[in-house]
Structure formats: structure tokens, C-alpha cells
């Protein structure tokens, strides 16, 4: 409706705007469908032992960033995604999880010192690379190495004392 106020007598521009919105919605839905396929076909499921519980985790090699959010909606507590082209890694934890990524950040900075890592103060995101900041260095770690480090950093044993 707002476009009617900015260009009230131009049906062509209003139609073009509407078509652009529909194209954008279609592109978003297509990415989400592809993300679900990638998760089911290429996702590497693993668990982390925390306080005698198995935490459901997923690792992915893909450019599709929608896989992170969709995997979390599917019940994965921790999701690791490595971009197959850029080499950047994004690690996210569900907001309702008790996992905080600070121990993983502390270890990964030591094991991957050349890469640019950002630990989000909320404790639920550990990011290597961003579309907004182009001068960051991607990680040289493989997805299997990141899984191993995550297990090491985030596993806990219940205190029996």
C-alpha cells in the first residue's frame, strides 16, 4: 500500500514491485527446500555427551546458510556449517539450549590462530567470516576437525562427588 503513496498513478511500477516481491518470496522458499534436502542427504549427525545426556548435533558442508536455522528447527541443538567455496565456518546453538560456546571458542582460537573468529556475547554463535566484513580469514580446519574440537570443548561429565 505504501507504494501507492510514493507513486500513486503508475500501475507499471506497482506491478513491477509486486512481481519483485513474489520473486523474492519464491527464492526464499526454494532455498529453504534445498536446505532441507541438504540436511537429509549430506548432513553429518553426531552427538556430544553433556551431563550423561546426548546432545543432538549436525555438521554440514554447504553454501546454503538456511541449513543452520532449519536444522535447529528440526531439533538439532548444535549446528556447524562450513561454506564449501569460501571456507568460512558458522557454529550455532539453539537459543533454548544450555550450551554456551565460550569453551569451544577458547580452544578453536588456539587450534586455528590464522582464522578470524567472532564469539557472539550471547554465547550461542561462533562465526568465522561474514558477508559484511570481507577482510576476514577463513578457517583451514576441516569439518571433522571442528566436530572433534566441539566434542572436546563442550562435553561434560556429571559430578559424582
N, C-alpha and C. Protein backbone atom coordinates (compact mmCIF):
# COMPACT_ATOMS: atom_id res chain seq x y z
N UNK A 1 0.83 -1.19 0.00
CA UNK A 1 0.00 0.00 0.00
C UNK A 1 0.87 1.25 0.00
N UNK A 2 2.04 1.16 0.62
CA UNK A 2 2.91 2.33 0.69
C UNK A 2 3.37 2.81 -0.67
N UNK A 3 3.51 1.91 -1.62
CA UNK A 3 3.96 2.34 -2.95
C UNK A 3 2.90 3.19 -3.65
N UNK A 4 1.64 3.00 -3.27
CA UNK A 4 0.58 3.83 -3.83
C UNK A 4 0.79 5.30 -3.46
N UNK A 5 1.33 5.54 -2.26
CA UNK A 5 1.57 6.91 -1.83
C UNK A 5 2.79 7.52 -2.51
N UNK A 6 3.81 6.72 -2.75
CA UNK A 6 5.04 7.25 -3.34
C UNK A 6 4.94 7.39 -4.86
N UNK A 7 4.10 6.59 -5.50
CA UNK A 7 3.94 6.65 -6.96
C UNK A 7 2.49 6.30 -7.30
N UNK A 8 1.56 7.19 -6.95
CA UNK A 8 0.14 6.84 -6.97
C UNK A 8 -0.47 6.56 -8.34
N UNK A 9 0.09 7.07 -9.41
CA UNK A 9 -0.56 6.92 -10.71
C UNK A 9 0.26 6.09 -11.69
N UNK A 10 1.10 5.22 -11.17
CA UNK A 10 1.94 4.44 -12.06
C UNK A 10 1.71 2.95 -11.79
N UNK A 11 0.75 2.38 -12.50
CA UNK A 11 0.41 0.96 -12.33
C UNK A 11 1.59 0.05 -12.68
N UNK A 12 2.37 0.43 -13.67
CA UNK A 12 3.51 -0.38 -14.11
C UNK A 12 4.53 -0.55 -12.99
N UNK A 13 4.88 0.52 -12.30
CA UNK A 13 5.87 0.42 -11.22
C UNK A 13 5.32 -0.38 -10.05
N UNK A 14 4.03 -0.24 -9.79
CA UNK A 14 3.43 -1.02 -8.71
C UNK A 14 3.42 -2.51 -9.04
N UNK A 15 3.12 -2.83 -10.32
CA UNK A 15 3.13 -4.23 -10.74
C UNK A 15 4.56 -4.80 -10.66
N UNK A 16 5.54 -4.02 -11.10
CA UNK A 16 6.93 -4.48 -11.05
C UNK A 16 7.37 -4.74 -9.61
N UNK A 17 6.97 -3.86 -8.72
CA UNK A 17 7.29 -4.05 -7.30
C UNK A 17 6.65 -5.34 -6.78
N UNK A 18 5.40 -5.57 -7.11
CA UNK A 18 4.71 -6.79 -6.69
C UNK A 18 5.38 -8.05 -7.23
N UNK A 19 5.78 -8.00 -8.50
CA UNK A 19 6.46 -9.15 -9.10
C UNK A 19 7.82 -9.40 -8.44
N UNK A 20 8.52 -8.32 -8.12
CA UNK A 20 9.80 -8.46 -7.43
C UNK A 20 9.61 -9.11 -6.05
N UNK A 21 8.57 -8.72 -5.35
CA UNK A 21 8.27 -9.33 -4.05
C UNK A 21 7.97 -10.82 -4.20
N UNK A 22 7.18 -11.18 -5.21
CA UNK A 22 6.87 -12.59 -5.45
C UNK A 22 8.13 -13.39 -5.81
N UNK A 23 9.01 -12.81 -6.63
CA UNK A 23 10.27 -13.47 -6.98
C UNK A 23 11.14 -13.70 -5.74
N UNK A 24 11.15 -12.70 -4.87
CA UNK A 24 11.94 -12.81 -3.64
C UNK A 24 11.38 -13.90 -2.73
N UNK A 25 10.07 -13.95 -2.59
CA UNK A 25 9.44 -14.99 -1.77
C UNK A 25 9.72 -16.37 -2.35
N UNK A 26 9.65 -16.50 -3.67
CA UNK A 26 9.94 -17.77 -4.33
C UNK A 26 11.38 -18.20 -4.10
N UNK A 27 12.32 -17.26 -4.20
CA UNK A 27 13.74 -17.57 -3.98
C UNK A 27 13.97 -18.05 -2.54
N UNK A 28 13.31 -17.41 -1.59
CA UNK A 28 13.45 -17.81 -0.18
C UNK A 28 12.91 -19.22 0.03
N UNK A 29 11.74 -19.50 -0.50
CA UNK A 29 11.16 -20.84 -0.36
C UNK A 29 12.02 -21.90 -1.03
N UNK A 30 12.58 -21.58 -2.19
CA UNK A 30 13.46 -22.52 -2.89
C UNK A 30 14.70 -22.83 -2.06
N UNK A 31 15.31 -21.81 -1.46
CA UNK A 31 16.48 -22.02 -0.60
C UNK A 31 16.14 -22.90 0.60
N UNK A 32 14.97 -22.70 1.17
CA UNK A 32 14.56 -23.50 2.33
C UNK A 32 14.34 -24.95 1.95
N UNK A 33 13.74 -25.19 0.80
CA UNK A 33 13.54 -26.57 0.34
C UNK A 33 14.88 -27.23 0.07
N UNK A 34 15.80 -26.51 -0.58
CA UNK A 34 17.14 -27.04 -0.83
C UNK A 34 17.86 -27.33 0.49
N UNK A 35 17.68 -26.45 1.47
CA UNK A 35 18.32 -26.65 2.78
C UNK A 35 17.84 -27.95 3.42
N UNK A 36 16.57 -28.23 3.35
CA UNK A 36 16.03 -29.47 3.92
C UNK A 36 16.61 -30.69 3.21
N UNK A 37 16.76 -30.60 1.90
CA UNK A 37 17.36 -31.70 1.13
C UNK A 37 18.82 -31.90 1.54
N UNK A 38 19.56 -30.81 1.67
CA UNK A 38 20.98 -30.89 2.05
C UNK A 38 21.12 -31.53 3.43
N UNK A 39 20.27 -31.12 4.37
CA UNK A 39 20.32 -31.67 5.72
C UNK A 39 20.09 -33.18 5.70
N UNK A 40 19.08 -33.62 4.96
CA UNK A 40 18.75 -35.05 4.96
C UNK A 40 19.75 -35.88 4.16
N UNK A 41 20.31 -35.31 3.10
CA UNK A 41 21.21 -36.08 2.23
C UNK A 41 22.68 -35.96 2.60
N UNK A 42 23.10 -34.80 3.09
CA UNK A 42 24.53 -34.57 3.30
C UNK A 42 24.90 -34.25 4.74
N UNK A 43 23.91 -34.10 5.60
CA UNK A 43 24.19 -33.76 6.98
C UNK A 43 24.91 -34.88 7.72
N UNK A 44 25.89 -34.52 8.49
CA UNK A 44 26.66 -35.48 9.28
C UNK A 44 26.23 -35.33 10.74
N UNK A 45 25.38 -36.26 11.19
CA UNK A 45 24.88 -36.21 12.55
C UNK A 45 25.92 -36.76 13.52
N UNK A 46 25.99 -36.14 14.69
CA UNK A 46 26.87 -36.62 15.76
C UNK A 46 26.28 -36.17 17.08
N UNK A 47 26.82 -36.69 18.16
CA UNK A 47 26.34 -36.30 19.48
C UNK A 47 27.50 -35.83 20.34
N UNK A 48 27.14 -35.04 21.33
CA UNK A 48 28.09 -34.60 22.35
C UNK A 48 27.51 -35.03 23.69
N UNK A 49 28.35 -35.64 24.53
CA UNK A 49 27.92 -36.07 25.86
C UNK A 49 28.01 -34.90 26.83
N UNK A 50 26.87 -34.55 27.40
CA UNK A 50 26.81 -33.47 28.40
C UNK A 50 25.95 -33.93 29.55
N UNK A 51 26.57 -34.04 30.72
CA UNK A 51 25.85 -34.41 31.94
C UNK A 51 25.02 -35.68 31.73
N UNK A 52 25.66 -36.70 31.18
CA UNK A 52 25.03 -38.00 30.93
C UNK A 52 23.86 -37.93 29.96
N UNK A 53 23.83 -36.93 29.10
CA UNK A 53 22.81 -36.80 28.06
C UNK A 53 23.52 -36.67 26.72
N UNK A 54 22.86 -37.14 25.69
CA UNK A 54 23.39 -37.00 24.33
C UNK A 54 22.77 -35.75 23.70
N UNK A 55 23.62 -34.82 23.30
CA UNK A 55 23.18 -33.61 22.63
C UNK A 55 23.22 -33.87 21.13
N UNK A 56 22.11 -33.64 20.47
CA UNK A 56 21.97 -33.90 19.04
C UNK A 56 22.61 -32.76 18.24
N UNK A 57 23.58 -33.13 17.38
CA UNK A 57 24.33 -32.13 16.62
C UNK A 57 24.37 -32.50 15.14
N UNK A 58 24.67 -31.49 14.31
CA UNK A 58 24.74 -31.71 12.87
C UNK A 58 25.87 -30.87 12.30
N UNK A 59 26.61 -31.45 11.35
CA UNK A 59 27.66 -30.74 10.63
C UNK A 59 27.36 -30.82 9.14
N UNK A 60 27.63 -29.72 8.44
CA UNK A 60 27.31 -29.64 7.02
C UNK A 60 28.41 -28.94 6.24
N UNK A 61 28.65 -29.43 5.05
CA UNK A 61 29.50 -28.76 4.08
C UNK A 61 28.56 -28.24 3.00
N UNK A 62 28.27 -26.94 3.02
CA UNK A 62 27.34 -26.36 2.07
C UNK A 62 27.46 -24.85 2.07
N UNK A 63 27.05 -24.25 0.96
CA UNK A 63 26.98 -22.78 0.88
C UNK A 63 25.65 -22.27 1.42
N UNK A 64 24.67 -23.15 1.55
CA UNK A 64 23.31 -22.75 1.93
C UNK A 64 23.24 -22.43 3.43
N UNK A 65 23.12 -21.15 3.74
CA UNK A 65 23.10 -20.71 5.14
C UNK A 65 21.77 -21.00 5.83
N UNK A 66 20.71 -21.24 5.05
CA UNK A 66 19.41 -21.57 5.65
C UNK A 66 19.44 -22.90 6.39
N UNK A 67 20.44 -23.73 6.10
CA UNK A 67 20.54 -25.03 6.76
C UNK A 67 20.68 -24.88 8.27
N UNK A 68 21.33 -23.82 8.73
CA UNK A 68 21.53 -23.62 10.17
C UNK A 68 20.20 -23.50 10.91
N UNK A 69 19.38 -22.59 10.47
CA UNK A 69 18.11 -22.34 11.16
C UNK A 69 17.15 -23.53 11.01
N UNK A 70 17.10 -24.11 9.82
CA UNK A 70 16.19 -25.23 9.60
C UNK A 70 16.62 -26.44 10.42
N UNK A 71 17.92 -26.71 10.50
CA UNK A 71 18.40 -27.83 11.32
C UNK A 71 18.04 -27.62 12.79
N UNK A 72 18.15 -26.39 13.26
CA UNK A 72 17.76 -26.11 14.64
C UNK A 72 16.26 -26.35 14.83
N UNK A 73 15.46 -25.96 13.87
CA UNK A 73 14.01 -26.21 13.95
C UNK A 73 13.70 -27.70 13.92
N UNK A 74 14.58 -28.49 13.29
CA UNK A 74 14.40 -29.94 13.23
C UNK A 74 14.86 -30.63 14.51
N UNK A 75 15.37 -29.86 15.47
CA UNK A 75 15.73 -30.43 16.76
C UNK A 75 17.20 -30.58 17.05
N UNK A 76 18.06 -30.13 16.15
CA UNK A 76 19.50 -30.20 16.42
C UNK A 76 19.87 -29.05 17.35
N UNK A 77 20.56 -29.38 18.44
CA UNK A 77 20.95 -28.37 19.42
C UNK A 77 22.13 -27.54 18.94
N UNK A 78 23.05 -28.17 18.22
CA UNK A 78 24.25 -27.50 17.74
C UNK A 78 24.40 -27.82 16.25
N UNK A 79 24.66 -26.79 15.46
CA UNK A 79 24.84 -26.97 14.02
C UNK A 79 26.12 -26.27 13.60
N UNK A 80 26.94 -26.99 12.83
CA UNK A 80 28.19 -26.47 12.29
C UNK A 80 28.05 -26.48 10.77
N UNK A 81 28.31 -25.33 10.14
CA UNK A 81 28.25 -25.27 8.68
C UNK A 81 29.55 -24.66 8.15
N UNK A 82 30.18 -25.39 7.23
CA UNK A 82 31.37 -24.86 6.56
C UNK A 82 31.01 -24.58 5.11
N UNK A 83 31.27 -23.35 4.68
CA UNK A 83 30.99 -22.92 3.31
C UNK A 83 31.99 -23.61 2.39
N UNK A 84 31.49 -24.34 1.41
CA UNK A 84 32.36 -25.12 0.52
C UNK A 84 33.18 -24.25 -0.42
N UNK A 85 32.75 -23.02 -0.66
CA UNK A 85 33.51 -22.14 -1.56
C UNK A 85 34.45 -21.22 -0.80
N UNK A 86 33.95 -20.57 0.23
CA UNK A 86 34.74 -19.57 0.95
C UNK A 86 35.56 -20.14 2.11
N UNK A 87 35.15 -21.29 2.63
CA UNK A 87 35.87 -21.90 3.74
C UNK A 87 35.45 -21.40 5.11
N UNK A 88 34.52 -20.45 5.15
CA UNK A 88 34.06 -19.90 6.42
C UNK A 88 33.22 -20.92 7.18
N UNK A 89 33.27 -20.82 8.50
CA UNK A 89 32.53 -21.75 9.37
C UNK A 89 31.60 -20.95 10.26
N UNK A 90 30.37 -21.43 10.40
CA UNK A 90 29.40 -20.83 11.31
C UNK A 90 28.93 -21.94 12.25
N UNK A 91 28.97 -21.66 13.53
CA UNK A 91 28.55 -22.62 14.55
C UNK A 91 27.46 -21.94 15.37
N UNK A 92 26.32 -22.60 15.44
CA UNK A 92 25.20 -22.01 16.17
C UNK A 92 24.56 -23.05 17.08
N UNK A 93 24.06 -22.55 18.21
CA UNK A 93 23.37 -23.37 19.20
C UNK A 93 21.94 -22.85 19.31
N UNK A 94 21.01 -23.75 19.48
CA UNK A 94 19.61 -23.33 19.66
C UNK A 94 19.51 -22.38 20.85
N UNK A 95 18.67 -21.37 20.73
CA UNK A 95 18.53 -20.40 21.83
C UNK A 95 18.05 -21.03 23.14
N UNK A 96 17.28 -22.12 23.06
CA UNK A 96 16.75 -22.75 24.27
C UNK A 96 17.68 -23.81 24.86
N UNK A 97 18.87 -23.95 24.29
CA UNK A 97 19.84 -24.92 24.79
C UNK A 97 20.66 -24.31 25.93
N UNK A 98 21.16 -25.18 26.81
CA UNK A 98 22.02 -24.69 27.90
C UNK A 98 23.49 -24.61 27.48
N UNK A 99 23.78 -24.95 26.25
CA UNK A 99 25.17 -24.92 25.76
C UNK A 99 25.60 -23.47 25.50
N UNK A 100 26.79 -23.14 25.98
CA UNK A 100 27.44 -21.86 25.70
C UNK A 100 28.73 -22.19 24.95
N UNK A 101 29.01 -21.48 23.89
CA UNK A 101 30.13 -21.81 23.01
C UNK A 101 31.49 -21.24 23.43
N UNK A 102 31.56 -20.58 24.56
CA UNK A 102 32.83 -19.98 25.01
C UNK A 102 33.96 -21.00 25.13
N UNK A 103 33.74 -22.19 25.72
CA UNK A 103 34.85 -23.16 25.78
C UNK A 103 35.33 -23.59 24.39
N UNK A 104 34.41 -23.70 23.44
CA UNK A 104 34.78 -24.04 22.07
C UNK A 104 35.58 -22.90 21.45
N UNK A 105 35.16 -21.69 21.67
CA UNK A 105 35.87 -20.52 21.16
C UNK A 105 37.30 -20.46 21.69
N UNK A 106 37.46 -20.72 22.99
CA UNK A 106 38.79 -20.66 23.60
C UNK A 106 39.75 -21.68 22.96
N UNK A 107 39.26 -22.87 22.69
CA UNK A 107 40.11 -23.91 22.09
C UNK A 107 40.34 -23.66 20.60
N UNK A 108 39.28 -23.26 19.91
CA UNK A 108 39.39 -23.10 18.45
C UNK A 108 40.33 -21.94 18.09
N UNK A 109 40.39 -20.90 18.93
CA UNK A 109 41.33 -19.80 18.69
C UNK A 109 42.77 -20.28 18.75
N UNK A 110 43.04 -21.24 19.63
CA UNK A 110 44.39 -21.78 19.76
C UNK A 110 44.71 -22.71 18.59
N UNK A 111 43.76 -23.55 18.21
CA UNK A 111 44.00 -24.53 17.15
C UNK A 111 43.88 -23.95 15.75
N UNK A 112 43.29 -22.78 15.62
CA UNK A 112 43.09 -22.15 14.32
C UNK A 112 43.46 -20.66 14.41
N UNK A 113 44.74 -20.36 14.73
CA UNK A 113 45.12 -18.98 15.04
C UNK A 113 45.09 -18.00 13.86
N UNK A 114 45.19 -18.49 12.64
CA UNK A 114 45.22 -17.59 11.48
C UNK A 114 43.82 -17.13 11.06
N UNK A 115 42.82 -17.89 11.44
CA UNK A 115 41.45 -17.56 11.04
C UNK A 115 40.87 -16.45 11.91
N UNK A 116 39.92 -15.73 11.35
CA UNK A 116 39.22 -14.68 12.07
C UNK A 116 37.96 -15.29 12.68
N UNK A 117 37.88 -15.32 14.01
CA UNK A 117 36.73 -15.88 14.71
C UNK A 117 36.04 -14.79 15.52
N UNK A 118 34.72 -14.83 15.54
CA UNK A 118 33.94 -13.89 16.33
C UNK A 118 33.03 -14.70 17.26
N UNK A 119 33.19 -14.49 18.56
CA UNK A 119 32.33 -15.12 19.56
C UNK A 119 31.24 -14.13 19.92
N UNK A 120 30.01 -14.49 19.64
CA UNK A 120 28.89 -13.61 19.95
C UNK A 120 28.67 -13.58 21.45
N UNK A 121 28.51 -12.40 22.05
CA UNK A 121 28.38 -12.31 23.50
C UNK A 121 27.19 -13.08 24.08
N UNK A 122 26.21 -13.41 23.26
CA UNK A 122 25.08 -14.20 23.74
C UNK A 122 25.46 -15.66 24.01
N UNK A 123 26.63 -16.09 23.51
CA UNK A 123 27.13 -17.43 23.77
C UNK A 123 26.61 -18.50 22.85
N UNK A 124 25.76 -18.15 21.91
CA UNK A 124 25.11 -19.15 21.05
C UNK A 124 25.62 -19.16 19.62
N UNK A 125 26.55 -18.25 19.29
CA UNK A 125 27.09 -18.21 17.94
C UNK A 125 28.61 -18.03 17.96
N UNK A 126 29.26 -18.79 17.11
CA UNK A 126 30.69 -18.67 16.90
C UNK A 126 30.87 -18.60 15.38
N UNK A 127 31.35 -17.47 14.90
CA UNK A 127 31.35 -17.20 13.47
C UNK A 127 32.75 -16.96 12.94
N UNK A 128 33.01 -17.53 11.80
CA UNK A 128 34.27 -17.34 11.08
C UNK A 128 33.90 -16.85 9.69
N UNK A 129 33.97 -15.55 9.50
CA UNK A 129 33.63 -14.99 8.20
C UNK A 129 32.24 -14.39 8.20
N UNK A 130 32.10 -13.35 7.38
CA UNK A 130 30.84 -12.65 7.30
C UNK A 130 30.72 -11.98 5.94
N UNK A 131 29.52 -11.88 5.43
CA UNK A 131 29.31 -11.16 4.18
C UNK A 131 29.55 -9.66 4.39
N UNK A 132 29.40 -9.21 5.61
CA UNK A 132 29.53 -7.78 5.92
C UNK A 132 30.98 -7.34 6.07
N UNK A 133 31.84 -8.25 6.48
CA UNK A 133 33.24 -7.91 6.71
C UNK A 133 34.10 -8.80 5.81
N UNK A 134 34.56 -8.23 4.71
CA UNK A 134 35.21 -9.02 3.65
C UNK A 134 36.66 -9.39 3.93
N UNK A 135 37.33 -8.73 4.90
CA UNK A 135 38.75 -8.97 5.10
C UNK A 135 39.04 -10.08 6.12
N UNK A 136 38.06 -10.88 6.46
CA UNK A 136 38.28 -11.94 7.44
C UNK A 136 38.94 -13.14 6.79
N UNK A 137 39.69 -13.87 7.60
CA UNK A 137 40.42 -15.05 7.12
C UNK A 137 39.59 -16.31 7.42
N UNK A 138 39.31 -17.11 6.39
CA UNK A 138 38.55 -18.34 6.62
C UNK A 138 39.36 -19.38 7.39
N UNK A 139 38.67 -20.31 7.97
CA UNK A 139 39.31 -21.36 8.74
C UNK A 139 39.93 -22.41 7.80
N UNK A 140 41.05 -22.93 8.22
CA UNK A 140 41.68 -24.04 7.49
C UNK A 140 41.27 -25.38 8.07
N UNK A 141 40.49 -25.35 9.15
CA UNK A 141 40.06 -26.60 9.78
C UNK A 141 39.03 -27.32 8.91
N UNK A 142 39.12 -28.63 8.89
CA UNK A 142 38.10 -29.43 8.19
C UNK A 142 36.87 -29.55 9.08
N UNK A 143 35.78 -29.96 8.51
CA UNK A 143 34.56 -30.13 9.29
C UNK A 143 34.76 -31.21 10.35
N UNK A 144 35.50 -32.26 10.04
CA UNK A 144 35.77 -33.32 11.01
C UNK A 144 36.62 -32.81 12.18
N UNK A 145 37.57 -31.92 11.89
CA UNK A 145 38.38 -31.34 12.96
C UNK A 145 37.52 -30.46 13.88
N UNK A 146 36.59 -29.71 13.30
CA UNK A 146 35.72 -28.86 14.09
C UNK A 146 34.80 -29.72 14.97
N UNK A 147 34.30 -30.82 14.43
CA UNK A 147 33.48 -31.74 15.23
C UNK A 147 34.28 -32.26 16.42
N UNK A 148 35.51 -32.68 16.15
CA UNK A 148 36.36 -33.21 17.22
C UNK A 148 36.61 -32.15 18.30
N UNK A 149 36.89 -30.93 17.88
CA UNK A 149 37.13 -29.85 18.85
C UNK A 149 35.85 -29.54 19.63
N UNK A 150 34.71 -29.55 18.95
CA UNK A 150 33.44 -29.29 19.63
C UNK A 150 33.16 -30.34 20.69
N UNK A 151 33.39 -31.60 20.35
CA UNK A 151 33.19 -32.67 21.35
C UNK A 151 34.11 -32.47 22.55
N UNK A 152 35.36 -32.13 22.26
CA UNK A 152 36.35 -31.92 23.32
C UNK A 152 35.94 -30.75 24.23
N UNK A 153 35.51 -29.65 23.62
CA UNK A 153 35.25 -28.43 24.37
C UNK A 153 33.91 -28.44 25.10
N UNK A 154 32.92 -29.11 24.52
CA UNK A 154 31.56 -28.98 25.05
C UNK A 154 31.05 -30.19 25.83
N UNK A 155 31.80 -31.28 25.81
CA UNK A 155 31.40 -32.46 26.59
C UNK A 155 31.64 -32.21 28.07
N UNK A 156 30.73 -32.71 28.87
CA UNK A 156 30.89 -32.61 30.34
C UNK A 156 30.56 -33.95 30.95
N UNK A 157 31.06 -34.15 32.11
CA UNK A 157 30.75 -35.34 32.91
C UNK A 157 29.98 -34.87 34.13
N UNK A 158 28.99 -35.62 34.51
CA UNK A 158 28.22 -35.24 35.69
C UNK A 158 29.10 -35.44 36.90
N UNK A 159 29.08 -34.47 37.80
CA UNK A 159 29.90 -34.51 39.01
C UNK A 159 29.28 -35.48 40.01
N UNK A 160 30.01 -36.53 40.34
CA UNK A 160 29.50 -37.58 41.26
C UNK A 160 30.05 -37.42 42.67
N UNK A 161 30.54 -36.26 43.04
CA UNK A 161 31.14 -36.12 44.38
C UNK A 161 30.12 -35.74 45.41
